[in-house]
């Protein structure tokens, strides 16, 4: 987030890419984004093979549009554009800029997460989810994009985040058809 959320935003990524290119003239170098939360790489992998973009994807035009610095969650919240938010498996309250968090506090927020965190404190609805690799099976990705199949170790009364999102989507579609 330091590279993409500081002054010059996406241009910083271009500068780092140029540095890596120059380094590769003399040695082997790669650029890997450091991830702060569990399976952020997994989101990036799935988003990329679904849309062609790893993050900051805007579907408002009816197709995926990507422009970090404009279409990221931080960017939208700082501009006070969203009128509601669903935050799944992330802690915007602890990691987003203060102006973005202030806007989140003013709008309806649904938090889907197995753990209490600063975002659950400001959320209007908190839906606890099962923990993948402990209470549910699933796939997680290491930071180097290697996928790991996670087994369920114990039973849980909580649904997986995938099941929760599917249930919410089904309910929204039902309400939309009835309206």
N, C-alpha and C. Protein backbone atom coordinates (compact mmCIF):
# COMPACT_ATOMS: atom_id res chain seq x y z
N UNK A 1 0.82 -1.20 0.00
CA UNK A 1 0.00 0.00 0.00
C UNK A 1 0.86 1.26 0.00
N UNK A 2 2.08 1.17 0.52
CA UNK A 2 2.94 2.34 0.56
C UNK A 2 3.24 2.89 -0.81
N UNK A 3 3.47 2.02 -1.77
CA UNK A 3 3.81 2.47 -3.13
C UNK A 3 2.58 3.02 -3.83
N UNK A 4 1.45 2.33 -3.70
CA UNK A 4 0.26 2.74 -4.46
C UNK A 4 -0.59 3.79 -3.75
N UNK A 5 -0.40 3.98 -2.46
CA UNK A 5 -1.25 4.92 -1.73
C UNK A 5 -0.50 6.16 -1.27
N UNK A 6 0.67 6.41 -1.84
CA UNK A 6 1.41 7.62 -1.54
C UNK A 6 1.40 8.52 -2.78
N UNK A 7 2.02 9.66 -2.66
CA UNK A 7 2.03 10.61 -3.76
C UNK A 7 2.48 9.93 -5.06
N UNK A 8 1.87 10.22 -6.14
CA UNK A 8 2.14 9.70 -7.49
C UNK A 8 1.47 8.35 -7.77
N UNK A 9 0.93 7.69 -6.77
CA UNK A 9 0.15 6.46 -6.89
C UNK A 9 0.69 5.49 -7.93
N UNK A 10 -0.02 5.28 -9.04
CA UNK A 10 0.37 4.25 -10.01
C UNK A 10 1.71 4.55 -10.67
N UNK A 11 2.11 5.80 -10.71
CA UNK A 11 3.40 6.14 -11.32
C UNK A 11 4.55 5.55 -10.50
N UNK A 12 4.33 5.37 -9.20
CA UNK A 12 5.35 4.72 -8.36
C UNK A 12 5.56 3.28 -8.83
N UNK A 13 4.48 2.60 -9.19
CA UNK A 13 4.58 1.24 -9.72
C UNK A 13 5.39 1.21 -11.00
N UNK A 14 5.17 2.21 -11.86
CA UNK A 14 5.96 2.30 -13.10
C UNK A 14 7.45 2.47 -12.77
N UNK A 15 7.75 3.30 -11.77
CA UNK A 15 9.15 3.54 -11.38
C UNK A 15 9.78 2.26 -10.84
N UNK A 16 9.04 1.52 -10.01
CA UNK A 16 9.58 0.27 -9.47
C UNK A 16 9.79 -0.74 -10.60
N UNK A 17 8.86 -0.80 -11.54
CA UNK A 17 9.01 -1.70 -12.70
C UNK A 17 10.26 -1.36 -13.50
N UNK A 18 10.51 -0.07 -13.68
CA UNK A 18 11.72 0.35 -14.40
C UNK A 18 12.97 -0.06 -13.64
N UNK A 19 12.94 0.10 -12.32
CA UNK A 19 14.08 -0.32 -11.50
C UNK A 19 14.33 -1.81 -11.65
N UNK A 20 13.27 -2.62 -11.60
CA UNK A 20 13.41 -4.07 -11.75
C UNK A 20 13.99 -4.40 -13.12
N UNK A 21 13.52 -3.72 -14.14
CA UNK A 21 14.05 -3.94 -15.49
C UNK A 21 15.54 -3.64 -15.55
N UNK A 22 15.94 -2.52 -14.96
CA UNK A 22 17.36 -2.16 -14.93
C UNK A 22 18.18 -3.18 -14.15
N UNK A 23 17.68 -3.61 -13.00
CA UNK A 23 18.38 -4.61 -12.19
C UNK A 23 18.56 -5.92 -12.94
N UNK A 24 17.57 -6.28 -13.75
CA UNK A 24 17.63 -7.54 -14.49
C UNK A 24 18.69 -7.53 -15.60
N UNK A 25 19.27 -6.38 -15.85
CA UNK A 25 20.40 -6.33 -16.79
C UNK A 25 21.65 -6.95 -16.16
N UNK A 26 21.66 -7.03 -14.82
CA UNK A 26 22.85 -7.49 -14.10
C UNK A 26 22.59 -8.67 -13.18
N UNK A 27 21.35 -8.91 -12.81
CA UNK A 27 21.03 -9.97 -11.85
C UNK A 27 19.59 -10.39 -12.05
N UNK A 28 19.09 -11.25 -11.20
CA UNK A 28 17.68 -11.68 -11.26
C UNK A 28 16.91 -10.92 -10.19
N UNK A 29 15.90 -10.17 -10.61
CA UNK A 29 15.09 -9.39 -9.67
C UNK A 29 13.62 -9.50 -10.06
N UNK A 30 12.75 -9.51 -9.07
CA UNK A 30 11.31 -9.53 -9.31
C UNK A 30 10.63 -8.52 -8.39
N UNK A 31 9.42 -8.15 -8.74
CA UNK A 31 8.63 -7.25 -7.93
C UNK A 31 7.41 -8.04 -7.43
N UNK A 32 7.25 -8.13 -6.12
CA UNK A 32 6.10 -8.79 -5.52
C UNK A 32 5.50 -7.85 -4.50
N UNK A 33 4.20 -7.59 -4.62
CA UNK A 33 3.53 -6.75 -3.64
C UNK A 33 3.47 -7.45 -2.29
N UNK A 34 3.81 -6.75 -1.23
CA UNK A 34 3.72 -7.32 0.11
C UNK A 34 2.25 -7.25 0.54
N UNK A 35 1.76 -8.34 1.05
CA UNK A 35 0.35 -8.44 1.43
C UNK A 35 0.21 -8.38 2.93
N UNK A 36 -0.78 -7.63 3.39
CA UNK A 36 -0.94 -7.44 4.82
C UNK A 36 -1.84 -8.45 5.48
N UNK A 37 -2.81 -8.99 4.77
CA UNK A 37 -3.79 -9.89 5.38
C UNK A 37 -3.77 -11.25 4.70
N UNK A 38 -4.30 -12.20 5.41
CA UNK A 38 -4.40 -13.57 4.93
C UNK A 38 -5.11 -13.62 3.58
N UNK A 39 -4.49 -14.23 2.62
CA UNK A 39 -5.03 -14.56 1.31
C UNK A 39 -5.41 -13.34 0.45
N UNK A 40 -4.79 -12.21 0.68
CA UNK A 40 -4.99 -11.08 -0.22
C UNK A 40 -4.52 -11.45 -1.62
N UNK A 41 -3.45 -12.23 -1.68
CA UNK A 41 -2.96 -12.70 -2.97
C UNK A 41 -4.03 -13.54 -3.67
N UNK A 42 -4.78 -14.32 -2.90
CA UNK A 42 -5.86 -15.13 -3.46
C UNK A 42 -6.91 -14.26 -4.13
N UNK A 43 -7.28 -13.15 -3.48
CA UNK A 43 -8.23 -12.23 -4.11
C UNK A 43 -7.66 -11.71 -5.42
N UNK A 44 -6.39 -11.28 -5.39
CA UNK A 44 -5.76 -10.75 -6.60
C UNK A 44 -5.72 -11.77 -7.72
N UNK A 45 -5.42 -13.03 -7.37
CA UNK A 45 -5.37 -14.09 -8.38
C UNK A 45 -6.74 -14.31 -9.01
N UNK A 46 -7.76 -14.45 -8.17
CA UNK A 46 -9.11 -14.71 -8.69
C UNK A 46 -9.62 -13.50 -9.48
N UNK A 47 -9.42 -12.30 -8.95
CA UNK A 47 -9.85 -11.10 -9.68
C UNK A 47 -9.17 -11.01 -11.04
N UNK A 48 -7.90 -11.36 -11.09
CA UNK A 48 -7.16 -11.28 -12.36
C UNK A 48 -7.68 -12.28 -13.37
N UNK A 49 -7.92 -13.54 -12.97
CA UNK A 49 -8.41 -14.48 -13.98
C UNK A 49 -9.87 -14.28 -14.30
N UNK A 50 -10.61 -13.58 -13.44
CA UNK A 50 -12.02 -13.28 -13.76
C UNK A 50 -12.16 -12.02 -14.62
N UNK A 51 -11.32 -10.99 -14.37
CA UNK A 51 -11.51 -9.70 -15.03
C UNK A 51 -10.30 -9.22 -15.83
N UNK A 52 -9.13 -9.79 -15.54
CA UNK A 52 -7.90 -9.30 -16.14
C UNK A 52 -7.19 -8.28 -15.26
N UNK A 53 -7.78 -7.93 -14.13
CA UNK A 53 -7.21 -6.92 -13.23
C UNK A 53 -7.13 -7.46 -11.81
N UNK A 54 -6.07 -7.11 -11.05
CA UNK A 54 -5.88 -7.69 -9.73
C UNK A 54 -6.60 -6.99 -8.58
N UNK A 55 -7.06 -5.78 -8.78
CA UNK A 55 -7.66 -4.99 -7.69
C UNK A 55 -8.28 -3.73 -8.28
N UNK A 56 -8.89 -2.92 -7.44
CA UNK A 56 -9.42 -1.61 -7.85
C UNK A 56 -10.29 -1.72 -9.09
N UNK A 57 -11.18 -2.71 -9.11
CA UNK A 57 -12.00 -2.98 -10.29
C UNK A 57 -13.36 -2.31 -10.12
N UNK A 58 -13.74 -1.54 -11.11
CA UNK A 58 -15.01 -0.83 -11.10
C UNK A 58 -15.93 -1.47 -12.13
N UNK A 59 -17.11 -1.92 -11.70
CA UNK A 59 -18.08 -2.56 -12.61
C UNK A 59 -19.25 -1.63 -12.95
N UNK A 60 -19.17 -0.36 -12.55
CA UNK A 60 -20.29 0.57 -12.72
C UNK A 60 -20.69 0.75 -14.19
N UNK A 61 -19.77 0.59 -15.11
CA UNK A 61 -20.06 0.78 -16.53
C UNK A 61 -20.61 -0.48 -17.18
N UNK A 62 -20.75 -1.57 -16.39
CA UNK A 62 -21.25 -2.82 -16.93
C UNK A 62 -20.15 -3.76 -17.40
N UNK A 63 -18.92 -3.33 -17.27
CA UNK A 63 -17.76 -4.16 -17.60
C UNK A 63 -16.63 -3.74 -16.65
N UNK A 64 -15.61 -4.59 -16.48
CA UNK A 64 -14.54 -4.24 -15.56
C UNK A 64 -13.67 -3.10 -16.08
N UNK A 65 -13.48 -2.10 -15.24
CA UNK A 65 -12.63 -0.95 -15.54
C UNK A 65 -11.61 -0.85 -14.41
N UNK A 66 -10.35 -0.60 -14.76
CA UNK A 66 -9.26 -0.63 -13.79
C UNK A 66 -8.43 0.63 -13.89
N UNK A 67 -8.34 1.36 -12.80
CA UNK A 67 -7.47 2.53 -12.77
C UNK A 67 -7.11 2.82 -11.31
N UNK A 68 -6.08 2.12 -10.78
CA UNK A 68 -5.68 2.38 -9.40
C UNK A 68 -5.37 3.86 -9.19
N UNK A 69 -5.78 4.37 -8.07
CA UNK A 69 -5.66 5.80 -7.82
C UNK A 69 -6.97 6.51 -8.11
N UNK A 70 -7.84 5.83 -8.84
CA UNK A 70 -9.18 6.35 -9.14
C UNK A 70 -10.25 5.38 -8.67
N UNK A 71 -10.08 4.09 -8.95
CA UNK A 71 -11.15 3.11 -8.72
C UNK A 71 -10.94 2.22 -7.50
N UNK A 72 -9.89 2.45 -6.72
CA UNK A 72 -9.66 1.67 -5.51
C UNK A 72 -10.64 2.07 -4.41
N UNK A 73 -10.84 1.18 -3.47
CA UNK A 73 -11.75 1.46 -2.35
C UNK A 73 -11.34 2.72 -1.59
N UNK A 74 -10.04 2.87 -1.32
CA UNK A 74 -9.56 4.08 -0.65
C UNK A 74 -9.95 5.33 -1.42
N UNK A 75 -9.71 5.29 -2.72
CA UNK A 75 -9.98 6.46 -3.57
C UNK A 75 -11.45 6.84 -3.53
N UNK A 76 -12.32 5.85 -3.68
CA UNK A 76 -13.76 6.11 -3.68
C UNK A 76 -14.22 6.67 -2.34
N UNK A 77 -13.73 6.07 -1.25
CA UNK A 77 -14.14 6.51 0.08
C UNK A 77 -13.63 7.92 0.40
N UNK A 78 -12.41 8.22 0.01
CA UNK A 78 -11.87 9.56 0.25
C UNK A 78 -12.70 10.60 -0.51
N UNK A 79 -13.18 10.25 -1.71
CA UNK A 79 -14.04 11.16 -2.49
C UNK A 79 -15.50 11.11 -2.02
N UNK A 80 -15.78 10.27 -1.03
CA UNK A 80 -17.12 10.13 -0.44
C UNK A 80 -18.17 9.71 -1.46
N UNK A 81 -17.81 8.82 -2.38
CA UNK A 81 -18.72 8.34 -3.41
C UNK A 81 -19.63 7.20 -2.96
N UNK A 82 -19.15 6.20 -2.23
CA UNK A 82 -20.03 5.07 -1.88
C UNK A 82 -21.14 5.48 -0.91
N UNK A 83 -22.31 4.89 -1.12
CA UNK A 83 -23.40 5.13 -0.18
C UNK A 83 -23.62 3.93 0.73
N UNK A 84 -22.85 2.86 0.53
CA UNK A 84 -22.86 1.68 1.40
C UNK A 84 -21.63 0.86 1.06
N UNK A 85 -21.25 -0.05 1.98
CA UNK A 85 -20.06 -0.87 1.73
C UNK A 85 -20.22 -2.25 2.35
N UNK A 86 -19.70 -3.24 1.64
CA UNK A 86 -19.54 -4.59 2.20
C UNK A 86 -18.04 -4.83 2.24
N UNK A 87 -17.54 -5.12 3.42
CA UNK A 87 -16.11 -5.36 3.59
C UNK A 87 -15.95 -6.80 4.05
N UNK A 88 -15.28 -7.60 3.24
CA UNK A 88 -15.10 -9.02 3.54
C UNK A 88 -13.62 -9.32 3.75
N UNK A 89 -13.33 -9.94 4.89
CA UNK A 89 -11.97 -10.42 5.19
C UNK A 89 -10.92 -9.33 5.07
N UNK A 90 -11.25 -8.14 5.53
CA UNK A 90 -10.32 -7.02 5.51
C UNK A 90 -10.64 -6.10 6.67
N UNK A 91 -9.68 -5.26 7.02
CA UNK A 91 -9.88 -4.34 8.12
C UNK A 91 -9.62 -2.91 7.67
N UNK A 92 -10.59 -2.36 6.96
CA UNK A 92 -10.47 -0.99 6.46
C UNK A 92 -10.33 0.00 7.61
N UNK A 93 -11.00 -0.26 8.72
CA UNK A 93 -10.94 0.65 9.87
C UNK A 93 -9.53 0.83 10.41
N UNK A 94 -8.70 -0.17 10.28
CA UNK A 94 -7.32 -0.09 10.79
C UNK A 94 -6.33 0.35 9.73
N UNK A 95 -6.64 0.16 8.45
CA UNK A 95 -5.62 0.34 7.42
C UNK A 95 -5.92 1.40 6.37
N UNK A 96 -7.14 1.89 6.30
CA UNK A 96 -7.46 2.91 5.30
C UNK A 96 -7.13 4.29 5.87
N UNK A 97 -6.95 5.28 5.01
CA UNK A 97 -6.69 6.64 5.49
C UNK A 97 -7.86 7.14 6.34
N UNK A 98 -7.55 8.04 7.25
CA UNK A 98 -8.55 8.54 8.19
C UNK A 98 -9.78 9.12 7.48
N UNK A 99 -9.59 9.84 6.40
CA UNK A 99 -10.73 10.42 5.68
C UNK A 99 -11.64 9.32 5.12
N UNK A 100 -11.06 8.23 4.64
CA UNK A 100 -11.85 7.11 4.12
C UNK A 100 -12.63 6.45 5.26
N UNK A 101 -12.00 6.27 6.41
CA UNK A 101 -12.66 5.64 7.56
C UNK A 101 -13.79 6.53 8.07
N UNK A 102 -13.59 7.84 8.07
CA UNK A 102 -14.67 8.75 8.49
C UNK A 102 -15.90 8.59 7.58
N UNK A 103 -15.66 8.43 6.27
CA UNK A 103 -16.81 8.24 5.37
C UNK A 103 -17.47 6.89 5.63
N UNK A 104 -16.68 5.84 5.87
CA UNK A 104 -17.26 4.53 6.21
C UNK A 104 -18.16 4.63 7.42
N UNK A 105 -17.76 5.44 8.40
CA UNK A 105 -18.55 5.58 9.63
C UNK A 105 -19.89 6.26 9.37
N UNK A 106 -20.02 6.98 8.25
CA UNK A 106 -21.26 7.69 7.94
C UNK A 106 -22.23 6.89 7.06
N UNK A 107 -21.76 5.79 6.48
CA UNK A 107 -22.60 5.01 5.56
C UNK A 107 -22.88 3.63 6.14
N UNK A 108 -23.92 2.93 5.66
CA UNK A 108 -24.15 1.56 6.11
C UNK A 108 -23.00 0.65 5.69
N UNK A 109 -22.51 -0.14 6.64
CA UNK A 109 -21.39 -1.05 6.38
C UNK A 109 -21.75 -2.45 6.88
N UNK A 110 -21.51 -3.44 6.01
CA UNK A 110 -21.62 -4.85 6.39
C UNK A 110 -20.19 -5.38 6.44
N UNK A 111 -19.82 -6.00 7.55
CA UNK A 111 -18.49 -6.59 7.71
C UNK A 111 -18.63 -8.11 7.77
N UNK A 112 -17.91 -8.81 6.87
CA UNK A 112 -17.86 -10.28 6.88
C UNK A 112 -16.44 -10.65 7.26
N UNK A 113 -16.26 -11.21 8.46
CA UNK A 113 -14.92 -11.51 8.93
C UNK A 113 -15.01 -12.44 10.13
N UNK A 114 -14.07 -13.36 10.27
CA UNK A 114 -14.10 -14.24 11.44
C UNK A 114 -13.61 -13.56 12.72
N UNK A 115 -12.97 -12.41 12.60
CA UNK A 115 -12.36 -11.76 13.76
C UNK A 115 -12.93 -10.37 14.00
N UNK A 116 -13.05 -10.01 15.26
CA UNK A 116 -13.39 -8.63 15.62
C UNK A 116 -12.18 -7.76 15.30
N UNK A 117 -12.44 -6.57 14.78
CA UNK A 117 -11.37 -5.64 14.43
C UNK A 117 -11.95 -4.23 14.39
N UNK A 118 -11.16 -3.20 14.13
CA UNK A 118 -11.72 -1.85 14.09
C UNK A 118 -12.88 -1.66 13.12
N UNK A 119 -12.90 -2.40 12.02
CA UNK A 119 -14.02 -2.27 11.07
C UNK A 119 -15.31 -2.81 11.67
N UNK A 120 -15.23 -3.89 12.45
CA UNK A 120 -16.45 -4.42 13.07
C UNK A 120 -17.03 -3.41 14.05
N UNK A 121 -16.19 -2.55 14.61
CA UNK A 121 -16.67 -1.52 15.54
C UNK A 121 -17.52 -0.47 14.85
N UNK A 122 -17.25 -0.18 13.59
CA UNK A 122 -18.04 0.84 12.89
C UNK A 122 -19.10 0.25 11.97
N UNK A 123 -19.08 -1.08 11.79
CA UNK A 123 -20.04 -1.73 10.90
C UNK A 123 -21.44 -1.74 11.50
N UNK A 124 -22.44 -1.61 10.65
CA UNK A 124 -23.84 -1.70 11.07
C UNK A 124 -24.27 -3.15 11.22
N UNK A 125 -23.73 -4.01 10.38
CA UNK A 125 -24.02 -5.45 10.42
C UNK A 125 -22.69 -6.19 10.37
N UNK A 126 -22.49 -7.10 11.32
CA UNK A 126 -21.28 -7.92 11.34
C UNK A 126 -21.70 -9.37 11.17
N UNK A 127 -21.17 -10.01 10.13
CA UNK A 127 -21.48 -11.41 9.87
C UNK A 127 -20.20 -12.21 10.07
N UNK A 128 -20.12 -12.97 11.18
CA UNK A 128 -18.91 -13.78 11.38
C UNK A 128 -18.86 -14.93 10.39
N UNK A 129 -17.67 -15.23 9.92
CA UNK A 129 -17.49 -16.32 8.94
C UNK A 129 -16.56 -17.38 9.51
N UNK A 130 -16.64 -18.56 8.90
CA UNK A 130 -15.74 -19.65 9.28
C UNK A 130 -14.32 -19.30 8.84
N UNK A 131 -13.35 -19.84 9.55
CA UNK A 131 -11.94 -19.60 9.24
C UNK A 131 -11.45 -20.72 8.32
N UNK A 132 -11.05 -20.33 7.09
CA UNK A 132 -10.55 -21.31 6.13
C UNK A 132 -9.23 -21.88 6.66
N UNK A 133 -9.13 -23.19 6.56
CA UNK A 133 -7.95 -23.88 7.05
C UNK A 133 -8.10 -24.35 8.49
N UNK A 134 -9.17 -23.93 9.13
CA UNK A 134 -9.48 -24.40 10.49
C UNK A 134 -10.92 -24.92 10.51
N UNK A 135 -11.88 -24.04 10.18
CA UNK A 135 -13.30 -24.40 10.25
C UNK A 135 -13.92 -24.69 8.88
N UNK A 136 -13.17 -24.48 7.83
CA UNK A 136 -13.69 -24.70 6.48
C UNK A 136 -12.53 -25.04 5.54
N UNK A 137 -12.84 -25.81 4.50
CA UNK A 137 -11.82 -26.08 3.50
C UNK A 137 -11.85 -24.97 2.47
N UNK A 138 -10.80 -24.86 1.73
CA UNK A 138 -10.74 -23.85 0.68
C UNK A 138 -9.33 -23.75 0.13
N UNK A 139 -9.09 -22.71 -0.63
CA UNK A 139 -7.78 -22.49 -1.21
C UNK A 139 -7.24 -21.16 -0.75
N UNK A 140 -5.98 -21.14 -0.38
CA UNK A 140 -5.29 -19.90 -0.03
C UNK A 140 -4.07 -19.78 -0.93
N UNK A 141 -3.62 -18.57 -1.13
CA UNK A 141 -2.45 -18.34 -1.98
C UNK A 141 -1.33 -17.71 -1.16
N UNK A 142 -0.14 -18.25 -1.34
CA UNK A 142 1.03 -17.63 -0.74
C UNK A 142 1.31 -16.32 -1.48
N UNK A 143 2.18 -15.48 -0.92
CA UNK A 143 2.50 -14.20 -1.56
C UNK A 143 3.13 -14.38 -2.93
N UNK A 144 3.75 -15.54 -3.18
CA UNK A 144 4.34 -15.79 -4.49
C UNK A 144 3.36 -16.46 -5.45
N UNK A 145 2.06 -16.43 -5.12
CA UNK A 145 0.95 -16.90 -5.95
C UNK A 145 0.86 -18.41 -6.08
N UNK A 146 1.51 -19.15 -5.21
CA UNK A 146 1.37 -20.61 -5.17
C UNK A 146 0.10 -20.92 -4.38
N UNK A 147 -0.80 -21.69 -4.98
CA UNK A 147 -2.05 -22.01 -4.28
C UNK A 147 -1.84 -23.19 -3.33
N UNK A 148 -2.50 -23.12 -2.20
CA UNK A 148 -2.44 -24.18 -1.19
C UNK A 148 -3.87 -24.60 -0.85
N UNK A 149 -4.13 -25.88 -0.93
CA UNK A 149 -5.46 -26.39 -0.56
C UNK A 149 -5.50 -26.51 0.95
N UNK A 150 -6.49 -25.89 1.55
CA UNK A 150 -6.64 -25.88 3.01
C UNK A 150 -7.73 -26.87 3.40
N UNK A 151 -7.45 -27.68 4.40
CA UNK A 151 -8.42 -28.65 4.90
C UNK A 151 -9.17 -28.09 6.09
N UNK A 152 -10.34 -28.61 6.30
CA UNK A 152 -11.15 -28.27 7.47
C UNK A 152 -10.65 -29.14 8.63
N UNK A 153 -10.42 -28.52 9.79
CA UNK A 153 -9.94 -29.26 10.95
C UNK A 153 -11.03 -29.52 11.98
N UNK A 154 -11.92 -28.53 12.15
CA UNK A 154 -12.99 -28.66 13.14
C UNK A 154 -14.30 -28.15 12.55
N UNK A 155 -15.41 -28.57 13.14
CA UNK A 155 -16.71 -28.08 12.70
C UNK A 155 -16.95 -26.67 13.23
N UNK A 156 -17.78 -25.94 12.51
CA UNK A 156 -18.11 -24.57 12.89
C UNK A 156 -19.58 -24.31 12.68
N UNK A 157 -20.13 -23.42 13.47
CA UNK A 157 -21.52 -23.00 13.27
C UNK A 157 -21.61 -21.88 12.24
N UNK A 158 -20.46 -21.36 11.81
CA UNK A 158 -20.44 -20.24 10.88
C UNK A 158 -20.32 -20.72 9.43
N UNK A 159 -20.92 -19.95 8.53
CA UNK A 159 -20.80 -20.22 7.10
C UNK A 159 -19.47 -19.67 6.61
N UNK A 160 -19.04 -20.17 5.45
CA UNK A 160 -17.84 -19.60 4.83
C UNK A 160 -18.18 -18.24 4.25
N UNK A 161 -17.15 -17.42 4.01
CA UNK A 161 -17.40 -16.12 3.39
C UNK A 161 -18.02 -16.28 2.01
N UNK A 162 -17.65 -17.34 1.30
CA UNK A 162 -18.25 -17.62 -0.01
C UNK A 162 -19.75 -17.88 0.12
N UNK A 163 -20.14 -18.70 1.09
CA UNK A 163 -21.57 -18.99 1.30
C UNK A 163 -22.33 -17.73 1.69
N UNK A 164 -21.72 -16.90 2.52
CA UNK A 164 -22.37 -15.66 2.96
C UNK A 164 -22.61 -14.73 1.77
N UNK A 165 -21.60 -14.56 0.93
CA UNK A 165 -21.74 -13.68 -0.24
C UNK A 165 -22.79 -14.23 -1.21
N UNK A 166 -22.79 -15.55 -1.42
CA UNK A 166 -23.82 -16.15 -2.28
C UNK A 166 -25.21 -15.92 -1.72
N UNK A 167 -25.39 -16.09 -0.40
CA UNK A 167 -26.69 -15.85 0.23
C UNK A 167 -27.12 -14.40 0.07
N UNK A 168 -26.20 -13.46 0.29
CA UNK A 168 -26.52 -12.04 0.13
C UNK A 168 -26.91 -11.72 -1.31
N UNK A 169 -26.16 -12.27 -2.26
CA UNK A 169 -26.45 -12.04 -3.68
C UNK A 169 -27.82 -12.58 -4.05
N UNK A 170 -28.13 -13.79 -3.58
CA UNK A 170 -29.45 -14.38 -3.84
C UNK A 170 -30.56 -13.50 -3.28
N UNK A 171 -30.39 -13.02 -2.06
CA UNK A 171 -31.41 -12.19 -1.42
C UNK A 171 -31.60 -10.86 -2.16
N UNK A 172 -30.51 -10.25 -2.56
CA UNK A 172 -30.60 -8.98 -3.31
C UNK A 172 -31.33 -9.20 -4.63
N UNK A 173 -31.03 -10.29 -5.32
CA UNK A 173 -31.70 -10.58 -6.59
C UNK A 173 -33.19 -10.84 -6.37
N UNK A 174 -33.55 -11.52 -5.29
CA UNK A 174 -34.96 -11.76 -4.97
C UNK A 174 -35.66 -10.43 -4.71
N UNK A 175 -35.06 -9.56 -3.93
CA UNK A 175 -35.64 -8.27 -3.61
C UNK A 175 -35.77 -7.41 -4.87
N UNK A 176 -34.77 -7.49 -5.74
CA UNK A 176 -34.78 -6.70 -6.99
C UNK A 176 -35.93 -7.17 -7.89
N UNK A 177 -36.14 -8.49 -7.97
CA UNK A 177 -37.23 -9.01 -8.80
C UNK A 177 -38.59 -8.61 -8.25
N UNK A 178 -38.69 -8.54 -6.92
CA UNK A 178 -39.97 -8.20 -6.29
C UNK A 178 -40.27 -6.71 -6.33
N UNK A 179 -39.25 -5.88 -6.56
CA UNK A 179 -39.43 -4.42 -6.52
C UNK A 179 -39.99 -3.86 -7.77
